[in-house]
Amino acid sequence: MQTLCATGIRVSELPYITVEAVERGRTTVRCKGKNRVILLPKRLREELQLYVFQNQVQCGPVFVTRYGNPLNRSNIWREMKQLCVAAGVSEQKVFPHNLRHLFARSFYLLDKDIAKLADILGHSSIDTTRIYIISSGEEHQKKLDCMDLVL
């Protein structure tokens, strides 16, 4: 889950996180007929290197089931549900794709560059990217209240 959140990849792209990618610090994801480079943050790489060592993963996908198959959406969803129960959070509010949204909002807040974010997320249209960073009415209200344009 940390890998999904720290990179902004889709759950379906998780098999691209391989031992070799961890060593290089990047991987190329092929999705929807396009290629994009996924950079692995330094701290994530360190955690993944430790995970690979502890789990004796020699090559290929870092995250596999006990039968050697790459983790998929249902595996991640099951783990997230268990965390929801432990944290007392409603399971209906948590989905693996939420981690991609968290990544997008966090990245966007750094320099407010929607074009860079679209590239990182692999979107060909900025309109698609806007969905990830839309502010709520409550956020708009707070900003309007701070403007002090009424005397």
C-alpha atoms as a PDB file:
ATOM      1  CA  MET A   1       0.000   0.000   0.000  1.00  0.00           C
ATOM      2  CA  GLN A   2       2.899   2.344   0.717  1.00  0.00           C
ATOM      3  CA  THR A   3       4.239   1.650  -2.766  1.00  0.00           C
ATOM      4  CA  LEU A   4       0.908   2.582  -4.346  1.00  0.00           C
ATOM      5  CA  CYS A   5       0.710   5.761  -2.301  1.00  0.00           C
ATOM      6  CA  ALA A   6       4.337   6.847  -2.771  1.00  0.00           C
ATOM      7  CA  THR A   7       4.318   6.375  -6.553  1.00  0.00           C
ATOM      8  CA  GLY A   8       0.729   7.063  -7.610  1.00  0.00           C
ATOM      9  CA  ILE A   9       0.555   3.865  -9.638  1.00  0.00           C
ATOM     10  CA  ARG A  10      -2.656   1.946 -10.212  1.00  0.00           C
ATOM     11  CA  VAL A  11      -3.100  -1.410  -8.471  1.00  0.00           C
ATOM     12  CA  SER A  12      -2.928  -3.078 -11.889  1.00  0.00           C
ATOM     13  CA  GLU A  13       0.562  -1.575 -12.320  1.00  0.00           C
ATOM     14  CA  LEU A  14       1.959  -3.051  -9.101  1.00  0.00           C
ATOM     15  CA  PRO A  15       3.602  -6.021 -10.921  1.00  0.00           C
ATOM     16  CA  TYR A  16       5.916  -3.491 -12.602  1.00  0.00           C
ATOM     17  CA  ILE A  17       7.525  -2.926  -9.208  1.00  0.00           C
ATOM     18  CA  THR A  18      10.193  -5.579  -9.554  1.00  0.00           C
ATOM     19  CA  VAL A  19      13.453  -6.330  -7.782  1.00  0.00           C
ATOM     20  CA  GLU A  20      15.223  -4.936 -10.830  1.00  0.00           C
ATOM     21  CA  ALA A  21      13.139  -1.731 -10.704  1.00  0.00           C
ATOM     22  CA  VAL A  22      13.993  -1.264  -7.034  1.00  0.00           C
ATOM     23  CA  GLU A  23      17.694  -1.561  -7.891  1.00  0.00           C
ATOM     24  CA  ARG A  24      17.360   0.998 -10.731  1.00  0.00           C
ATOM     25  CA  GLY A  25      15.065   3.329  -8.807  1.00  0.00           C
ATOM     26  CA  ARG A  26      12.558   3.420 -11.640  1.00  0.00           C
ATOM     27  CA  THR A  27      10.343   1.298 -13.814  1.00  0.00           C
ATOM     28  CA  THR A  28       8.493   1.735 -17.069  1.00  0.00           C
ATOM     29  CA  VAL A  29       4.778   1.033 -16.946  1.00  0.00           C
ATOM     30  CA  ARG A  30       2.881   0.092 -20.080  1.00  0.00           C
ATOM     31  CA  CYS A  31      -0.785   0.932 -19.699  1.00  0.00           C
ATOM     32  CA  LYS A  32      -3.518   1.820 -22.172  1.00  0.00           C
ATOM     33  CA  GLY A  33      -1.084   1.796 -25.079  1.00  0.00           C
ATOM     34  CA  LYS A  34       1.283   4.289 -23.436  1.00  0.00           C
ATOM     35  CA  ASN A  35       4.572   4.013 -21.583  1.00  0.00           C
ATOM     36  CA  ARG A  36       5.519   6.131 -18.600  1.00  0.00           C
ATOM     37  CA  VAL A  37       8.425   6.093 -16.203  1.00  0.00           C
ATOM     38  CA  ILE A  38       7.649   5.600 -12.518  1.00  0.00           C
ATOM     39  CA  LEU A  39      10.293   6.966 -10.177  1.00  0.00           C
ATOM     40  CA  LEU A  40      10.724   5.270  -6.822  1.00  0.00           C
ATOM     41  CA  PRO A  41      11.405   7.726  -3.981  1.00  0.00           C
ATOM     42  CA  LYS A  42      14.615   7.064  -2.044  1.00  0.00           C
ATOM     43  CA  ARG A  43      12.869   6.152   1.210  1.00  0.00           C
ATOM     44  CA  LEU A  44      10.518   3.761  -0.585  1.00  0.00           C
ATOM     45  CA  ARG A  45      13.481   2.135  -2.331  1.00  0.00           C
ATOM     46  CA  GLU A  46      15.149   1.555   1.031  1.00  0.00           C
ATOM     47  CA  GLU A  47      11.981  -0.022   2.434  1.00  0.00           C
ATOM     48  CA  LEU A  48      11.560  -2.176  -0.670  1.00  0.00           C
ATOM     49  CA  GLN A  49      15.191  -3.317  -0.542  1.00  0.00           C
ATOM     50  CA  LEU A  50      14.661  -4.424   3.053  1.00  0.00           C
ATOM     51  CA  TYR A  51      11.391  -6.158   2.120  1.00  0.00           C
ATOM     52  CA  VAL A  52      13.051  -7.958  -0.803  1.00  0.00           C
ATOM     53  CA  PHE A  53      15.914  -9.107   1.432  1.00  0.00           C
ATOM     54  CA  GLN A  54      13.645 -10.271   4.278  1.00  0.00           C
ATOM     55  CA  ASN A  55      11.319 -12.121   1.908  1.00  0.00           C
ATOM     56  CA  GLN A  56      14.147 -13.548  -0.201  1.00  0.00           C
ATOM     57  CA  VAL A  57      12.711 -12.228  -3.458  1.00  0.00           C
ATOM     58  CA  GLN A  58      15.440 -12.802  -6.040  1.00  0.00           C
ATOM     59  CA  CYS A  59      13.901 -11.301  -9.185  1.00  0.00           C
ATOM     60  CA  GLY A  60      10.632 -10.271 -10.791  1.00  0.00           C
ATOM     61  CA  PRO A  61       7.651  -8.704  -9.014  1.00  0.00           C
ATOM     62  CA  VAL A  62       8.367  -7.669  -5.433  1.00  0.00           C
ATOM     63  CA  PHE A  63       4.836  -8.335  -4.199  1.00  0.00           C
ATOM     64  CA  VAL A  64       3.543 -11.840  -4.795  1.00  0.00           C
ATOM     65  CA  THR A  65       1.068 -14.187  -3.158  1.00  0.00           C
ATOM     66  CA  ARG A  66       2.211 -17.308  -1.362  1.00  0.00           C
ATOM     67  CA  TYR A  67       1.724 -19.109  -4.695  1.00  0.00           C
ATOM     68  CA  GLY A  68       4.079 -16.726  -6.493  1.00  0.00           C
ATOM     69  CA  ASN A  69       1.432 -14.749  -8.397  1.00  0.00           C
ATOM     70  CA  PRO A  70       1.647 -10.942  -8.420  1.00  0.00           C
ATOM     71  CA  LEU A  71      -0.693  -9.254  -5.937  1.00  0.00           C
ATOM     72  CA  ASN A  72      -3.875  -7.964  -7.523  1.00  0.00           C
ATOM     73  CA  ARG A  73      -6.754  -5.658  -6.652  1.00  0.00           C
ATOM     74  CA  SER A  74      -8.536  -8.232  -4.494  1.00  0.00           C
ATOM     75  CA  ASN A  75      -5.402  -8.934  -2.424  1.00  0.00           C
ATOM     76  CA  ILE A  76      -4.853  -5.231  -1.782  1.00  0.00           C
ATOM     77  CA  TRP A  77      -8.559  -4.643  -1.067  1.00  0.00           C
ATOM     78  CA  ARG A  78      -8.579  -7.466   1.491  1.00  0.00           C
ATOM     79  CA  GLU A  79      -5.570  -5.987   3.306  1.00  0.00           C
ATOM     80  CA  MET A  80      -7.135  -2.540   3.284  1.00  0.00           C
ATOM     81  CA  LYS A  81     -10.372  -3.911   4.778  1.00  0.00           C
ATOM     82  CA  GLN A  82      -8.386  -5.522   7.580  1.00  0.00           C
ATOM     83  CA  LEU A  83      -6.683  -2.200   8.288  1.00  0.00           C
ATOM     84  CA  CYS A  84     -10.073  -0.442   8.277  1.00  0.00           C
ATOM     85  CA  VAL A  85     -11.397  -2.830  10.906  1.00  0.00           C
ATOM     86  CA  ALA A  86      -8.283  -2.367  13.056  1.00  0.00           C
ATOM     87  CA  ALA A  87      -8.469   1.442  12.702  1.00  0.00           C
ATOM     88  CA  GLY A  88     -12.230   1.670  13.189  1.00  0.00           C
ATOM     89  CA  VAL A  89     -12.771   3.207   9.726  1.00  0.00           C
ATOM     90  CA  SER A  90     -15.781   2.387   7.577  1.00  0.00           C
ATOM     91  CA  GLU A  91     -14.790  -0.072   4.834  1.00  0.00           C
ATOM     92  CA  GLN A  92     -17.158   1.687   2.404  1.00  0.00           C
ATOM     93  CA  LYS A  93     -14.901   4.766   2.431  1.00  0.00           C
ATOM     94  CA  VAL A  94     -11.602   3.085   1.572  1.00  0.00           C
ATOM     95  CA  PHE A  95     -10.502   1.786  -1.818  1.00  0.00           C
ATOM     96  CA  PRO A  96      -7.063   1.055  -3.283  1.00  0.00           C
ATOM     97  CA  HIS A  97      -7.577   3.886  -5.794  1.00  0.00           C
ATOM     98  CA  ASN A  98      -7.852   6.339  -2.866  1.00  0.00           C
ATOM     99  CA  LEU A  99      -4.077   5.980  -2.514  1.00  0.00           C
ATOM    100  CA  ARG A 100      -3.629   7.265  -6.079  1.00  0.00           C
ATOM    101  CA  HIS A 101      -5.838  10.244  -5.220  1.00  0.00           C
ATOM    102  CA  LEU A 102      -3.791  10.938  -2.084  1.00  0.00           C
ATOM    103  CA  PHE A 103      -0.594  10.845  -4.133  1.00  0.00           C
ATOM    104  CA  ALA A 104      -2.079  13.195  -6.738  1.00  0.00           C
ATOM    105  CA  ARG A 105      -3.298  15.759  -4.219  1.00  0.00           C
ATOM    106  CA  SER A 106      -0.015  15.654  -2.286  1.00  0.00           C
ATOM    107  CA  PHE A 107       2.092  16.039  -5.438  1.00  0.00           C
ATOM    108  CA  TYR A 108      -0.085  18.860  -6.737  1.00  0.00           C
ATOM    109  CA  LEU A 109       0.212  20.787  -3.465  1.00  0.00           C
ATOM    110  CA  LEU A 110       4.008  20.935  -3.891  1.00  0.00           C
ATOM    111  CA  ASP A 111       4.046  23.259  -6.912  1.00  0.00           C
ATOM    112  CA  LYS A 112       0.506  23.390  -8.326  1.00  0.00           C
ATOM    113  CA  ASP A 113       1.627  22.124 -11.746  1.00  0.00           C
ATOM    114  CA  ILE A 114      -1.231  20.099 -13.191  1.00  0.00           C
ATOM    115  CA  ALA A 115       0.723  19.309 -16.386  1.00  0.00           C
ATOM    116  CA  LYS A 116       3.514  17.598 -14.422  1.00  0.00           C
ATOM    117  CA  LEU A 117       0.937  15.706 -12.401  1.00  0.00           C
ATOM    118  CA  ALA A 118      -0.831  14.554 -15.572  1.00  0.00           C
ATOM    119  CA  ASP A 119       2.503  13.226 -16.891  1.00  0.00           C
ATOM    120  CA  ILE A 120       3.255  11.366 -13.678  1.00  0.00           C
ATOM    121  CA  LEU A 121      -0.219   9.817 -13.517  1.00  0.00           C
ATOM    122  CA  GLY A 122      -0.109   8.891 -17.206  1.00  0.00           C
ATOM    123  CA  HIS A 123      -3.103  11.000 -18.226  1.00  0.00           C
ATOM    124  CA  SER A 124      -3.261  12.281 -21.785  1.00  0.00           C
ATOM    125  CA  SER A 125      -5.891  14.832 -20.770  1.00  0.00           C
ATOM    126  CA  ILE A 126      -5.532  17.385 -17.992  1.00  0.00           C
ATOM    127  CA  ASP A 127      -9.320  17.154 -17.567  1.00  0.00           C
ATOM    128  CA  THR A 128      -8.826  13.626 -16.274  1.00  0.00           C
ATOM    129  CA  THR A 129      -6.164  14.851 -13.859  1.00  0.00           C
ATOM    130  CA  ARG A 130      -8.432  17.626 -12.552  1.00  0.00           C
ATOM    131  CA  ILE A 131     -10.707  14.957 -11.031  1.00  0.00           C
ATOM    132  CA  TYR A 132      -7.901  14.071  -8.622  1.00  0.00           C
ATOM    133  CA  ILE A 133      -7.371  17.612  -7.342  1.00  0.00           C
ATOM    134  CA  ILE A 134     -10.858  19.136  -7.285  1.00  0.00           C
ATOM    135  CA  SER A 135     -11.397  21.089  -4.103  1.00  0.00           C
ATOM    136  CA  SER A 136     -14.515  20.735  -2.028  1.00  0.00           C
ATOM    137  CA  GLY A 137     -16.985  23.545  -1.406  1.00  0.00           C
ATOM    138  CA  GLU A 138     -15.738  23.642   2.165  1.00  0.00           C
ATOM    139  CA  GLU A 139     -12.164  24.267   0.982  1.00  0.00           C
ATOM    140  CA  HIS A 140     -13.391  27.053  -1.318  1.00  0.00           C
ATOM    141  CA  GLN A 141     -15.333  28.624   1.553  1.00  0.00           C
ATOM    142  CA  LYS A 142     -12.242  28.704   3.800  1.00  0.00           C
ATOM    143  CA  LYS A 143     -10.200  30.423   1.082  1.00  0.00           C
ATOM    144  CA  LEU A 144     -12.952  32.945   0.375  1.00  0.00           C
ATOM    145  CA  ASP A 145     -13.219  33.748   4.088  1.00  0.00           C
ATOM    146  CA  CYS A 146      -9.458  34.399   4.249  1.00  0.00           C
ATOM    147  CA  MET A 147      -9.516  36.874   1.361  1.00  0.00           C
ATOM    148  CA  ASP A 148     -11.010  39.707   3.472  1.00  0.00           C
ATOM    149  CA  LEU A 149     -12.353  41.607   0.472  1.00  0.00           C
ATOM    150  CA  VAL A 150     -15.351  42.982   2.387  1.00  0.00           C
ATOM    151  CA  LEU A 151     -14.696  46.147   4.402  1.00  0.00           C
END
